[in-house]
């Protein structure tokens, strides 16, 4: 088995900046890495008194519209009617196929 193949895996705090929500989990961002983003520069003191690296994220389950219940429901029937009002409906003037 090859040594030093996998990155370091340890505790990291993820902070949703839009909702002010933080959660502690484990990630490969905890260790120093030669390639990739590596260890976050900022740290935060958690409720257990320890200091952990913190990663700021834009969207989490606390701020995503699907999980918060503020997702919009698309009205497909309204879209069809809007299309028909804008472009009209095609009517077939020839009722028979032979043209008579």
Protein backbone atom coordinates (compact mmCIF):
# COMPACT_ATOMS: atom_id res chain seq x y z
CA UNK A 1 0.00 0.00 0.00
CA UNK A 2 1.34 3.43 -0.95
CA UNK A 3 2.12 5.86 1.85
CA UNK A 4 1.09 9.55 1.91
CA UNK A 5 -1.50 9.07 -0.81
CA UNK A 6 -4.53 10.49 0.95
CA UNK A 7 -4.82 14.05 2.28
CA UNK A 8 -5.14 14.78 5.99
CA UNK A 9 -8.71 14.45 7.24
CA UNK A 10 -9.74 16.42 10.30
CA UNK A 11 -12.26 18.78 11.94
CA UNK A 12 -13.24 21.98 10.09
CA UNK A 13 -15.95 24.57 10.78
CA UNK A 14 -18.05 25.63 7.79
CA UNK A 15 -19.71 29.04 8.15
CA UNK A 16 -22.63 30.16 5.96
CA UNK A 17 -21.99 33.89 5.64
CA UNK A 18 -25.48 34.72 4.36
CA UNK A 19 -27.37 33.00 7.19
CA UNK A 20 -24.84 33.22 10.03
CA UNK A 21 -25.01 29.46 10.45
CA UNK A 22 -21.93 27.42 11.43
CA UNK A 23 -21.39 23.69 11.75
CA UNK A 24 -18.45 21.53 12.71
CA UNK A 25 -17.62 18.56 10.53
CA UNK A 26 -14.61 16.70 9.18
CA UNK A 27 -12.97 17.52 5.87
CA UNK A 28 -9.78 17.12 3.90
CA UNK A 29 -9.40 20.91 4.09
CA UNK A 30 -8.08 20.43 7.63
CA UNK A 31 -4.58 19.48 6.58
CA UNK A 32 -1.90 21.19 4.58
CA UNK A 33 -1.99 20.09 0.96
CA UNK A 34 0.55 20.52 -1.81
CA UNK A 35 -2.20 20.78 -4.43
CA UNK A 36 -5.62 22.32 -4.01
CA UNK A 37 -6.92 24.92 -1.61
CA UNK A 38 -5.12 23.58 1.47
CA UNK A 39 -5.77 24.60 5.06
CA UNK A 40 -7.98 27.68 5.50
CA UNK A 41 -6.11 30.73 6.82
CA UNK A 42 -8.81 31.86 9.26
CA UNK A 43 -9.75 30.05 12.46
CA UNK A 44 -12.65 30.16 14.90
CA UNK A 45 -13.05 29.13 18.52
CA UNK A 46 -15.82 26.55 18.80
CA UNK A 47 -18.15 25.95 21.77
CA UNK A 48 -15.86 23.21 23.10
CA UNK A 49 -13.07 25.79 23.56
CA UNK A 50 -10.88 24.45 20.76
CA UNK A 51 -9.78 26.44 17.74
CA UNK A 52 -10.65 25.04 14.30
CA UNK A 53 -10.00 26.23 10.74
CA UNK A 54 -13.07 27.92 9.28
CA UNK A 55 -14.29 27.84 5.66
CA UNK A 56 -16.75 30.54 4.58
CA UNK A 57 -19.43 29.28 2.18
CA UNK A 58 -22.14 31.19 0.33
CA UNK A 59 -25.00 28.70 0.52
CA UNK A 60 -25.84 25.91 2.96
CA UNK A 61 -29.02 24.13 4.01
CA UNK A 62 -29.75 27.12 6.28
CA UNK A 63 -29.92 29.57 3.37
CA UNK A 64 -30.78 27.50 0.27
CA UNK A 65 -34.30 28.28 -1.02
CA UNK A 66 -35.19 24.60 -1.41
CA UNK A 67 -34.43 23.76 2.22
CA UNK A 68 -35.81 26.98 3.74
CA UNK A 69 -39.18 26.66 2.00
CA UNK A 70 -38.88 29.92 0.09
CA UNK A 71 -38.50 28.23 -3.29
CA UNK A 72 -40.73 29.53 -6.04
CA UNK A 73 -43.19 27.20 -7.68
CA UNK A 74 -43.11 27.53 -11.45
CA UNK A 75 -46.56 28.05 -12.93
CA UNK A 76 -46.34 26.12 -16.19
CA UNK A 77 -49.96 26.69 -17.15
CA UNK A 78 -49.45 30.42 -16.79
CA UNK A 79 -46.38 30.24 -19.01
CA UNK A 80 -48.31 28.43 -21.73
CA UNK A 81 -51.09 31.02 -21.65
CA UNK A 82 -48.56 33.84 -21.75
CA UNK A 83 -46.93 32.23 -24.81
CA UNK A 84 -50.29 31.88 -26.55
CA UNK A 85 -51.21 35.49 -25.82
CA UNK A 86 -47.89 36.70 -27.15
CA UNK A 87 -47.65 34.58 -30.29
CA UNK A 88 -51.24 33.39 -30.77
CA UNK A 89 -52.31 29.94 -31.77
CA UNK A 90 -51.99 28.56 -35.25
CA UNK A 91 -55.22 27.70 -36.96
CA UNK A 92 -55.48 25.39 -39.91
CA UNK A 93 -57.57 27.14 -42.60
CA UNK A 94 -57.81 24.05 -44.79
CA UNK A 95 -60.06 21.57 -43.10
CA UNK A 96 -59.43 18.81 -45.62
CA UNK A 97 -56.11 17.39 -46.72
CA UNK A 98 -56.82 17.30 -50.43
CA UNK A 99 -57.30 21.07 -50.63
CA UNK A 100 -60.88 21.00 -51.92
